[in-house]
PDB file of all heavy atoms in Angstrom:
ATOM      1  N   PRO A   1       0.832  -1.209   0.000  1.00  0.00           N
ATOM      2  CA  PRO A   1       0.000   0.000   0.000  1.00  0.00           C
ATOM      3  C   PRO A   1       0.866   1.258   0.000  1.00  0.00           C
ATOM      4  O   PRO A   1       1.984   1.273   0.512  1.00  0.00           O
ATOM      5  CB  PRO A   1      -0.794  -0.122   1.304  1.00  0.00           C
ATOM      6  CG  PRO A   1       0.058  -0.981   2.186  1.00  0.00           C
ATOM      7  CD  PRO A   1       0.761  -1.948   1.277  1.00  0.00           C
ATOM      8  N   GLN A   2       0.344   2.312  -0.601  1.00  0.00           N
ATOM      9  CA  GLN A   2       1.009   3.605  -0.564  1.00  0.00           C
ATOM     10  C   GLN A   2       0.667   4.292   0.756  1.00  0.00           C
ATOM     11  O   GLN A   2      -0.499   4.400   1.135  1.00  0.00           O
ATOM     12  CB  GLN A   2       0.550   4.468  -1.737  1.00  0.00           C
ATOM     13  CG  GLN A   2       1.027   3.978  -3.096  1.00  0.00           C
ATOM     14  CD  GLN A   2       2.513   4.209  -3.277  1.00  0.00           C
ATOM     15  OE1 GLN A   2       3.050   5.237  -2.879  1.00  0.00           O
ATOM     16  NE2 GLN A   2       3.186   3.241  -3.861  1.00  0.00           N
ATOM     17  N   VAL A   3       1.713   4.753   1.453  1.00  0.00           N
ATOM     18  CA  VAL A   3       1.510   5.368   2.766  1.00  0.00           C
ATOM     19  C   VAL A   3       1.825   6.858   2.694  1.00  0.00           C
ATOM     20  O   VAL A   3       2.512   7.330   1.784  1.00  0.00           O
ATOM     21  CB  VAL A   3       2.398   4.691   3.834  1.00  0.00           C
ATOM     22  CG1 VAL A   3       1.997   3.229   4.013  1.00  0.00           C
ATOM     23  CG2 VAL A   3       3.869   4.791   3.458  1.00  0.00           C
ATOM     24  N   ARG A   4       1.292   7.585   3.664  1.00  0.00           N
ATOM     25  CA  ARG A   4       1.559   9.021   3.730  1.00  0.00           C
ATOM     26  C   ARG A   4       2.957   9.256   4.277  1.00  0.00           C
ATOM     27  O   ARG A   4       3.291   8.806   5.381  1.00  0.00           O
ATOM     28  CB  ARG A   4       0.523   9.730   4.612  1.00  0.00           C
ATOM     29  CG  ARG A   4       0.640  11.259   4.584  1.00  0.00           C
ATOM     30  CD  ARG A   4      -0.470  11.892   5.388  1.00  0.00           C
ATOM     31  NE  ARG A   4      -0.269  11.700   6.820  1.00  0.00           N
ATOM     32  CZ  ARG A   4       0.465  12.523   7.591  1.00  0.00           C
ATOM     33  NH1 ARG A   4       1.021  13.592   7.062  1.00  0.00           N
ATOM     34  NH2 ARG A   4       0.572  12.300   8.876  1.00  0.00           N
ATOM     35  N   VAL A   5       3.782   9.931   3.499  1.00  0.00           N
ATOM     36  CA  VAL A   5       5.170  10.196   3.881  1.00  0.00           C
ATOM     37  C   VAL A   5       5.250  11.583   4.505  1.00  0.00           C
ATOM     38  O   VAL A   5       4.796  12.572   3.916  1.00  0.00           O
ATOM     39  CB  VAL A   5       6.115  10.099   2.656  1.00  0.00           C
ATOM     40  CG1 VAL A   5       7.550  10.418   3.054  1.00  0.00           C
ATOM     41  CG2 VAL A   5       6.015   8.709   2.046  1.00  0.00           C
ATOM     42  N   ILE A   6       5.811  11.653   5.702  1.00  0.00           N
ATOM     43  CA  ILE A   6       5.977  12.925   6.393  1.00  0.00           C
ATOM     44  C   ILE A   6       7.304  13.530   5.959  1.00  0.00           C
ATOM     45  O   ILE A   6       8.366  12.934   6.155  1.00  0.00           O
ATOM     46  CB  ILE A   6       5.954  12.720   7.921  1.00  0.00           C
ATOM     47  CG1 ILE A   6       4.633  12.057   8.334  1.00  0.00           C
ATOM     48  CG2 ILE A   6       6.142  14.044   8.638  1.00  0.00           C
ATOM     49  CD1 ILE A   6       4.575  11.692   9.802  1.00  0.00           C
ATOM     50  N   PRO A   7       7.285  14.701   5.323  1.00  0.00           N
ATOM     51  CA  PRO A   7       8.528  15.285   4.818  1.00  0.00           C
ATOM     52  C   PRO A   7       9.377  15.875   5.939  1.00  0.00           C
ATOM     53  O   PRO A   7       8.975  15.922   7.109  1.00  0.00           O
ATOM     54  CB  PRO A   7       8.036  16.363   3.851  1.00  0.00           C
ATOM     55  CG  PRO A   7       6.718  16.787   4.431  1.00  0.00           C
ATOM     56  CD  PRO A   7       6.107  15.533   5.026  1.00  0.00           C
ATOM     57  N   ALA A   8      10.572  16.344   5.552  1.00  0.00           N
ATOM     58  CA  ALA A   8      11.458  16.980   6.528  1.00  0.00           C
ATOM     59  C   ALA A   8      10.835  18.275   7.036  1.00  0.00           C
ATOM     60  O   ALA A   8      10.204  19.019   6.291  1.00  0.00           O
ATOM     61  CB  ALA A   8      12.817  17.256   5.884  1.00  0.00           C
ATOM     62  N   GLY A   9      11.015  18.535   8.312  1.00  0.00           N
ATOM     63  CA  GLY A   9      10.461  19.743   8.915  1.00  0.00           C
ATOM     64  C   GLY A   9       9.927  19.460  10.299  1.00  0.00           C
ATOM     65  O   GLY A   9      10.320  18.528  10.988  1.00  0.00           O
ATOM     66  N   GLY A  10       8.976  20.237  10.710  1.00  0.00           N
ATOM     67  CA  GLY A  10       8.379  20.095  12.022  1.00  0.00           C
ATOM     68  C   GLY A  10       8.330  21.434  12.756  1.00  0.00           C
ATOM     69  O   GLY A  10       8.655  22.482  12.189  1.00  0.00           O
ATOM     70  N   PRO A  11       7.892  21.409  13.972  1.00  0.00           N
ATOM     71  CA  PRO A  11       7.553  20.210  14.747  1.00  0.00           C
ATOM     72  C   PRO A  11       6.191  19.640  14.365  1.00  0.00           C
ATOM     73  O   PRO A  11       5.296  20.365  13.972  1.00  0.00           O
ATOM     74  CB  PRO A  11       7.558  20.714  16.182  1.00  0.00           C
ATOM     75  CG  PRO A  11       7.206  22.166  16.075  1.00  0.00           C
ATOM     76  CD  PRO A  11       7.812  22.643  14.803  1.00  0.00           C
ATOM     77  N   TYR A  12       6.113  18.315  14.450  1.00  0.00           N
ATOM     78  CA  TYR A  12       4.871  17.594  14.238  1.00  0.00           C
ATOM     79  C   TYR A  12       4.390  17.040  15.588  1.00  0.00           C
ATOM     80  O   TYR A  12       5.134  17.003  16.571  1.00  0.00           O
ATOM     81  CB  TYR A  12       5.072  16.450  13.250  1.00  0.00           C
ATOM     82  CG  TYR A  12       5.550  16.889  11.888  1.00  0.00           C
ATOM     83  CD1 TYR A  12       6.877  16.700  11.504  1.00  0.00           C
ATOM     84  CD2 TYR A  12       4.689  17.475  10.981  1.00  0.00           C
ATOM     85  CE1 TYR A  12       7.324  17.091  10.248  1.00  0.00           C
ATOM     86  CE2 TYR A  12       5.114  17.879   9.718  1.00  0.00           C
ATOM     87  CZ  TYR A  12       6.446  17.684   9.363  1.00  0.00           C
ATOM     88  OH  TYR A  12       6.874  18.083   8.134  1.00  0.00           O
ATOM     89  N   PHE A  13       3.137  16.602  15.584  1.00  0.00           N
ATOM     90  CA  PHE A  13       2.552  16.084  16.830  1.00  0.00           C
ATOM     91  C   PHE A  13       1.982  14.691  16.591  1.00  0.00           C
ATOM     92  O   PHE A  13       1.443  14.395  15.526  1.00  0.00           O
ATOM     93  CB  PHE A  13       1.435  17.015  17.318  1.00  0.00           C
ATOM     94  CG  PHE A  13       0.758  16.521  18.554  1.00  0.00           C
ATOM     95  CD1 PHE A  13       1.359  16.661  19.801  1.00  0.00           C
ATOM     96  CD2 PHE A  13      -0.475  15.894  18.478  1.00  0.00           C
ATOM     97  CE1 PHE A  13       0.734  16.189  20.947  1.00  0.00           C
ATOM     98  CE2 PHE A  13      -1.108  15.428  19.609  1.00  0.00           C
ATOM     99  CZ  PHE A  13      -0.493  15.571  20.851  1.00  0.00           C
ATOM    100  N   LYS A  14       2.146  13.848  17.595  1.00  0.00           N
ATOM    101  CA  LYS A  14       1.560  12.507  17.565  1.00  0.00           C
ATOM    102  C   LYS A  14       0.919  12.221  18.914  1.00  0.00           C
ATOM    103  O   LYS A  14       1.371  12.668  19.977  1.00  0.00           O
ATOM    104  CB  LYS A  14       2.622  11.451  17.252  1.00  0.00           C
ATOM    105  CG  LYS A  14       3.662  11.241  18.343  1.00  0.00           C
ATOM    106  CD  LYS A  14       4.632  10.143  17.962  1.00  0.00           C
ATOM    107  CE  LYS A  14       5.645   9.890  19.076  1.00  0.00           C
ATOM    108  NZ  LYS A  14       4.995   9.339  20.277  1.00  0.00           N
ATOM    109  N   TRP A  15      -0.143  11.437  18.864  1.00  0.00           N
ATOM    110  CA  TRP A  15      -0.831  11.013  20.080  1.00  0.00           C
ATOM    111  C   TRP A  15      -0.142   9.787  20.673  1.00  0.00           C
ATOM    112  O   TRP A  15       0.662   9.142  20.002  1.00  0.00           O
ATOM    113  CB  TRP A  15      -2.287  10.694  19.774  1.00  0.00           C
ATOM    114  CG  TRP A  15      -3.097  11.894  19.378  1.00  0.00           C
ATOM    115  CD1 TRP A  15      -3.516  12.244  18.145  1.00  0.00           C
ATOM    116  CD2 TRP A  15      -3.564  12.912  20.258  1.00  0.00           C
ATOM    117  NE1 TRP A  15      -4.228  13.408  18.161  1.00  0.00           N
ATOM    118  CE2 TRP A  15      -4.280  13.851  19.472  1.00  0.00           C
ATOM    119  CE3 TRP A  15      -3.462  13.143  21.641  1.00  0.00           C
ATOM    120  CZ2 TRP A  15      -4.873  14.991  20.003  1.00  0.00           C
ATOM    121  CZ3 TRP A  15      -4.066  14.277  22.179  1.00  0.00           C
ATOM    122  CH2 TRP A  15      -4.751  15.183  21.362  1.00  0.00           C
ATOM    123  N   PRO A  16      -0.423   9.475  21.893  1.00  0.00           N
ATOM    124  CA  PRO A  16       0.256   8.322  22.533  1.00  0.00           C
ATOM    125  C   PRO A  16       0.026   7.007  21.784  1.00  0.00           C
ATOM    126  O   PRO A  16       0.872   6.116  21.841  1.00  0.00           O
ATOM    127  CB  PRO A  16      -0.355   8.293  23.930  1.00  0.00           C
ATOM    128  CG  PRO A  16      -0.819   9.696  24.187  1.00  0.00           C
ATOM    129  CD  PRO A  16      -1.251  10.230  22.857  1.00  0.00           C
ATOM    130  N   TRP A  17      -1.100   6.874  21.121  1.00  0.00           N
ATOM    131  CA  TRP A  17      -1.361   5.616  20.409  1.00  0.00           C
ATOM    132  C   TRP A  17      -0.783   5.613  18.985  1.00  0.00           C
ATOM    133  O   TRP A  17      -1.017   4.700  18.223  1.00  0.00           O
ATOM    134  CB  TRP A  17      -2.867   5.365  20.341  1.00  0.00           C
ATOM    135  CG  TRP A  17      -3.648   6.524  19.795  1.00  0.00           C
ATOM    136  CD1 TRP A  17      -3.899   6.827  18.502  1.00  0.00           C
ATOM    137  CD2 TRP A  17      -4.270   7.572  20.552  1.00  0.00           C
ATOM    138  NE1 TRP A  17      -4.627   7.958  18.373  1.00  0.00           N
ATOM    139  CE2 TRP A  17      -4.880   8.449  19.627  1.00  0.00           C
ATOM    140  CE3 TRP A  17      -4.375   7.845  21.929  1.00  0.00           C
ATOM    141  CZ2 TRP A  17      -5.578   9.579  20.040  1.00  0.00           C
ATOM    142  CZ3 TRP A  17      -5.066   8.962  22.332  1.00  0.00           C
ATOM    143  CH2 TRP A  17      -5.661   9.819  21.384  1.00  0.00           C
ATOM    144  N   GLU A  18      -0.031   6.663  18.674  1.00  0.00           N
ATOM    145  CA  GLU A  18       0.620   6.745  17.376  1.00  0.00           C
ATOM    146  C   GLU A  18       2.130   6.568  17.542  1.00  0.00           C
ATOM    147  O   GLU A  18       2.704   6.917  18.573  1.00  0.00           O
ATOM    148  CB  GLU A  18       0.333   8.090  16.697  1.00  0.00           C
ATOM    149  CG  GLU A  18      -1.131   8.310  16.393  1.00  0.00           C
ATOM    150  CD  GLU A  18      -1.389   9.682  15.804  1.00  0.00           C
ATOM    151  OE1 GLU A  18      -0.537  10.585  15.992  1.00  0.00           O
ATOM    152  OE2 GLU A  18      -2.440   9.867  15.161  1.00  0.00           O
ATOM    153  N   ARG A  19       2.759   6.036  16.483  1.00  0.00           N
ATOM    154  CA  ARG A  19       4.213   5.820  16.497  1.00  0.00           C
ATOM    155  C   ARG A  19       4.803   6.306  15.181  1.00  0.00           C
ATOM    156  O   ARG A  19       4.195   6.130  14.119  1.00  0.00           O
ATOM    157  CB  ARG A  19       4.527   4.342  16.701  1.00  0.00           C
ATOM    158  CG  ARG A  19       6.022   4.041  16.786  1.00  0.00           C
ATOM    159  CD  ARG A  19       6.255   2.578  17.046  1.00  0.00           C
ATOM    160  NE  ARG A  19       7.688   2.276  17.049  1.00  0.00           N
ATOM    161  CZ  ARG A  19       8.199   1.052  17.213  1.00  0.00           C
ATOM    162  NH1 ARG A  19       7.378   0.013  17.415  1.00  0.00           N
ATOM    163  NH2 ARG A  19       9.509   0.884  17.203  1.00  0.00           N
ATOM    164  N   VAL A  20       5.970   6.917  15.269  1.00  0.00           N
ATOM    165  CA  VAL A  20       6.619   7.500  14.097  1.00  0.00           C
ATOM    166  C   VAL A  20       7.873   6.691  13.774  1.00  0.00           C
ATOM    167  O   VAL A  20       8.717   6.441  14.647  1.00  0.00           O
ATOM    168  CB  VAL A  20       6.989   8.980  14.337  1.00  0.00           C
ATOM    169  CG1 VAL A  20       7.762   9.538  13.145  1.00  0.00           C
ATOM    170  CG2 VAL A  20       5.741   9.803  14.609  1.00  0.00           C
ATOM    171  N   TYR A  21       7.989   6.280  12.498  1.00  0.00           N
ATOM    172  CA  TYR A  21       9.162   5.561  12.001  1.00  0.00           C
ATOM    173  C   TYR A  21       9.931   6.507  11.069  1.00  0.00           C
ATOM    174  O   TYR A  21       9.386   6.968  10.066  1.00  0.00           O
ATOM    175  CB  TYR A  21       8.753   4.303  11.233  1.00  0.00           C
ATOM    176  CG  TYR A  21       8.086   3.253  12.086  1.00  0.00           C
ATOM    177  CD1 TYR A  21       6.719   3.321  12.354  1.00  0.00           C
ATOM    178  CD2 TYR A  21       8.802   2.190  12.627  1.00  0.00           C
ATOM    179  CE1 TYR A  21       6.097   2.363  13.135  1.00  0.00           C
ATOM    180  CE2 TYR A  21       8.194   1.224  13.410  1.00  0.00           C
ATOM    181  CZ  TYR A  21       6.846   1.316  13.658  1.00  0.00           C
ATOM    182  OH  TYR A  21       6.218   0.356  14.432  1.00  0.00           O
ATOM    183  N   LYS A  22      11.183   6.774  11.411  1.00  0.00           N
ATOM    184  CA  LYS A  22      12.025   7.646  10.605  1.00  0.00           C
ATOM    185  C   LYS A  22      13.093   6.819   9.881  1.00  0.00           C
ATOM    186  O   LYS A  22      13.666   5.894  10.456  1.00  0.00           O
ATOM    187  CB  LYS A  22      12.726   8.701  11.473  1.00  0.00           C
ATOM    188  CG  LYS A  22      11.786   9.620  12.234  1.00  0.00           C
ATOM    189  CD  LYS A  22      12.572  10.601  13.086  1.00  0.00           C
ATOM    190  CE  LYS A  22      11.663  11.499  13.898  1.00  0.00           C
ATOM    191  NZ  LYS A  22      12.423  12.476  14.730  1.00  0.00           N
ATOM    192  N   VAL A  23      13.329   7.179   8.636  1.00  0.00           N
ATOM    193  CA  VAL A  23      14.376   6.518   7.849  1.00  0.00           C
ATOM    194  C   VAL A  23      15.153   7.591   7.098  1.00  0.00           C
ATOM    195  O   VAL A  23      14.598   8.630   6.717  1.00  0.00           O
ATOM    196  CB  VAL A  23      13.796   5.498   6.841  1.00  0.00           C
ATOM    197  CG1 VAL A  23      13.122   4.360   7.562  1.00  0.00           C
ATOM    198  CG2 VAL A  23      12.834   6.181   5.883  1.00  0.00           C
ATOM    199  N   THR A  24      16.438   7.351   6.902  1.00  0.00           N
ATOM    200  CA  THR A  24      17.259   8.264   6.119  1.00  0.00           C
ATOM    201  C   THR A  24      17.144   7.932   4.638  1.00  0.00           C
ATOM    202  O   THR A  24      17.140   6.755   4.261  1.00  0.00           O
ATOM    203  CB  THR A  24      18.727   8.199   6.565  1.00  0.00           C
ATOM    204  OG1 THR A  24      19.518   9.055   5.721  1.00  0.00           O
ATOM    205  CG2 THR A  24      19.257   6.787   6.486  1.00  0.00           C
ATOM    206  N   VAL A  25      17.009   8.958   3.825  1.00  0.00           N
ATOM    207  CA  VAL A  25      16.900   8.770   2.373  1.00  0.00           C
ATOM    208  C   VAL A  25      18.176   9.232   1.666  1.00  0.00           C
ATOM    209  O   VAL A  25      18.200   9.344   0.434  1.00  0.00           O
ATOM    210  CB  VAL A  25      15.679   9.535   1.818  1.00  0.00           C
ATOM    211  CG1 VAL A  25      14.396   8.921   2.317  1.00  0.00           C
ATOM    212  CG2 VAL A  25      15.763  11.017   2.158  1.00  0.00           C
ATOM    213  N   ALA A  26      19.232   9.494   2.417  1.00  0.00           N
ATOM    214  CA  ALA A  26      20.504   9.893   1.813  1.00  0.00           C
ATOM    215  C   ALA A  26      21.161   8.691   1.147  1.00  0.00           C
ATOM    216  O   ALA A  26      20.971   7.538   1.561  1.00  0.00           O
ATOM    217  CB  ALA A  26      21.427  10.493   2.868  1.00  0.00           C
ATOM    218  N   THR A  27      21.938   8.952   0.114  1.00  0.00           N
ATOM    219  CA  THR A  27      22.652   7.889  -0.587  1.00  0.00           C
ATOM    220  C   THR A  27      23.763   7.354   0.297  1.00  0.00           C
ATOM    221  O   THR A  27      24.549   8.118   0.870  1.00  0.00           O
ATOM    222  CB  THR A  27      23.240   8.407  -1.908  1.00  0.00           C
ATOM    223  OG1 THR A  27      22.172   8.901  -2.730  1.00  0.00           O
ATOM    224  CG2 THR A  27      23.975   7.304  -2.646  1.00  0.00           C
ATOM    225  N   GLN A  28      23.852   6.031   0.394  1.00  0.00           N
ATOM    226  CA  GLN A  28      24.846   5.379   1.228  1.00  0.00           C
ATOM    227  C   GLN A  28      25.712   4.461   0.368  1.00  0.00           C
ATOM    228  O   GLN A  28      25.251   3.917  -0.638  1.00  0.00           O
ATOM    229  CB  GLN A  28      24.174   4.570   2.342  1.00  0.00           C
ATOM    230  CG  GLN A  28      23.228   5.393   3.211  1.00  0.00           C
ATOM    231  CD  GLN A  28      22.566   4.567   4.296  1.00  0.00           C
ATOM    232  OE1 GLN A  28      23.229   3.910   5.094  1.00  0.00           O
ATOM    233  NE2 GLN A  28      21.233   4.596   4.330  1.00  0.00           N
ATOM    234  N   THR A  29      26.964   4.305   0.787  1.00  0.00           N
ATOM    235  CA  THR A  29      27.921   3.448   0.085  1.00  0.00           C
ATOM    236  C   THR A  29      28.225   2.239   0.943  1.00  0.00           C
ATOM    237  O   THR A  29      28.431   2.357   2.154  1.00  0.00           O
ATOM    238  CB  THR A  29      29.215   4.214  -0.233  1.00  0.00           C
ATOM    239  OG1 THR A  29      28.898   5.365  -1.009  1.00  0.00           O
ATOM    240  CG2 THR A  29      30.176   3.341  -1.015  1.00  0.00           C
ATOM    241  N   LEU A  30      28.256   1.077   0.294  1.00  0.00           N
ATOM    242  CA  LEU A  30      28.461  -0.170   1.018  1.00  0.00           C
ATOM    243  C   LEU A  30      29.378  -1.076   0.216  1.00  0.00           C
ATOM    244  O   LEU A  30      29.281  -1.150  -1.012  1.00  0.00           O
ATOM    245  CB  LEU A  30      27.111  -0.859   1.267  1.00  0.00           C
ATOM    246  CG  LEU A  30      27.111  -2.116   2.140  1.00  0.00           C
ATOM    247  CD1 LEU A  30      27.527  -1.771   3.569  1.00  0.00           C
ATOM    248  CD2 LEU A  30      25.733  -2.756   2.155  1.00  0.00           C
ATOM    249  N   ASN A  31      30.287  -1.742   0.919  1.00  0.00           N
ATOM    250  CA  ASN A  31      31.146  -2.734   0.283  1.00  0.00           C
ATOM    251  C   ASN A  31      30.293  -3.909  -0.170  1.00  0.00           C
ATOM    252  O   ASN A  31      29.544  -4.476   0.612  1.00  0.00           O
ATOM    253  CB  ASN A  31      32.225  -3.191   1.269  1.00  0.00           C
ATOM    254  CG  ASN A  31      33.173  -4.210   0.671  1.00  0.00           C
ATOM    255  OD1 ASN A  31      33.115  -4.500  -0.530  1.00  0.00           O
ATOM    256  ND2 ASN A  31      34.037  -4.765   1.493  1.00  0.00           N
ATOM    257  N   MET A  32      30.406  -4.271  -1.472  1.00  0.00           N
ATOM    258  CA  MET A  32      29.541  -5.321  -1.980  1.00  0.00           C
ATOM    259  C   MET A  32      29.834  -6.691  -1.377  1.00  0.00           C
ATOM    260  O   MET A  32      29.019  -7.595  -1.485  1.00  0.00           O
ATOM    261  CB  MET A  32      29.648  -5.396  -3.505  1.00  0.00           C
ATOM    262  CG  MET A  32      30.992  -5.804  -4.036  1.00  0.00           C
ATOM    263  SD  MET A  32      30.958  -6.119  -5.827  1.00  0.00           S
ATOM    264  CE  MET A  32      30.296  -4.589  -6.453  1.00  0.00           C
ATOM    265  N   ALA A  33      31.001  -6.851  -0.738  1.00  0.00           N
ATOM    266  CA  ALA A  33      31.321  -8.125  -0.093  1.00  0.00           C
ATOM    267  C   ALA A  33      30.829  -8.176   1.347  1.00  0.00           C
ATOM    268  O   ALA A  33      31.005  -9.197   2.016  1.00  0.00           O
ATOM    269  CB  ALA A  33      32.829  -8.373  -0.137  1.00  0.00           C
ATOM    270  N   PHE A  34      30.196  -7.120   1.816  1.00  0.00           N
ATOM    271  CA  PHE A  34      29.719  -7.082   3.198  1.00  0.00           C
ATOM    272  C   PHE A  34      28.474  -7.951   3.358  1.00  0.00           C
ATOM    273  O   PHE A  34      27.535  -7.870   2.559  1.00  0.00           O
ATOM    274  CB  PHE A  34      29.402  -5.643   3.596  1.00  0.00           C
ATOM    275  CG  PHE A  34      28.702  -5.516   4.917  1.00  0.00           C
ATOM    276  CD1 PHE A  34      29.376  -5.784   6.100  1.00  0.00           C
ATOM    277  CD2 PHE A  34      27.367  -5.144   4.979  1.00  0.00           C
ATOM    278  CE1 PHE A  34      28.723  -5.668   7.318  1.00  0.00           C
ATOM    279  CE2 PHE A  34      26.715  -5.027   6.181  1.00  0.00           C
ATOM    280  CZ  PHE A  34      27.397  -5.291   7.359  1.00  0.00           C
ATOM    281  N   ASP A  35      28.491  -8.790   4.398  1.00  0.00           N
ATOM    282  CA  ASP A  35      27.347  -9.642   4.715  1.00  0.00           C
ATOM    283  C   ASP A  35      26.729  -9.135   6.016  1.00  0.00           C
ATOM    284  O   ASP A  35      27.344  -9.254   7.080  1.00  0.00           O
ATOM    285  CB  ASP A  35      27.777 -11.099   4.862  1.00  0.00           C
ATOM    286  CG  ASP A  35      26.587 -12.049   4.948  1.00  0.00           C
ATOM    287  OD1 ASP A  35      25.501 -11.602   5.362  1.00  0.00           O
ATOM    288  OD2 ASP A  35      26.726 -13.232   4.591  1.00  0.00           O
ATOM    289  N   PRO A  36      25.519  -8.548   5.999  1.00  0.00           N
ATOM    290  CA  PRO A  36      24.937  -7.999   7.229  1.00  0.00           C
ATOM    291  C   PRO A  36      24.685  -9.046   8.296  1.00  0.00           C
ATOM    292  O   PRO A  36      24.654  -8.711   9.485  1.00  0.00           O
ATOM    293  CB  PRO A  36      23.614  -7.382   6.739  1.00  0.00           C
ATOM    294  CG  PRO A  36      23.799  -7.177   5.274  1.00  0.00           C
ATOM    295  CD  PRO A  36      24.676  -8.292   4.822  1.00  0.00           C
ATOM    296  N   GLU A  37      24.483 -10.302   7.924  1.00  0.00           N
ATOM    297  CA  GLU A  37      24.192 -11.344   8.906  1.00  0.00           C
ATOM    298  C   GLU A  37      25.442 -12.009   9.453  1.00  0.00           C
ATOM    299  O   GLU A  37      25.439 -12.503  10.586  1.00  0.00           O
ATOM    300  CB  GLU A  37      23.284 -12.403   8.277  1.00  0.00           C
ATOM    301  CG  GLU A  37      21.897 -11.883   7.942  1.00  0.00           C
ATOM    302  CD  GLU A  37      20.996 -12.973   7.415  1.00  0.00           C
ATOM    303  OE1 GLU A  37      21.455 -13.767   6.580  1.00  0.00           O
ATOM    304  OE2 GLU A  37      19.828 -13.035   7.859  1.00  0.00           O
ATOM    305  N   ASP A  38      26.530 -12.028   8.669  1.00  0.00           N
ATOM    306  CA  ASP A  38      27.761 -12.677   9.110  1.00  0.00           C
ATOM    307  C   ASP A  38      28.948 -11.840   8.638  1.00  0.00           C
ATOM    308  O   ASP A  38      29.375 -11.956   7.481  1.00  0.00           O
ATOM    309  CB  ASP A  38      27.840 -14.095   8.545  1.00  0.00           C
ATOM    310  CG  ASP A  38      29.040 -14.870   9.074  1.00  0.00           C
ATOM    311  OD1 ASP A  38      29.742 -14.338   9.968  1.00  0.00           O
ATOM    312  OD2 ASP A  38      29.286 -16.005   8.610  1.00  0.00           O
TER     313      ASP A  38
END
């Protein structure tokens, strides 16, 4: 499903029964031989 994306800025408000998930959208570099699990 398409979700509502909260853009950069604020302050925003949330109620106690609400939870906010933040993720970075900046470009990241990773070694292709890196194994996140091992």
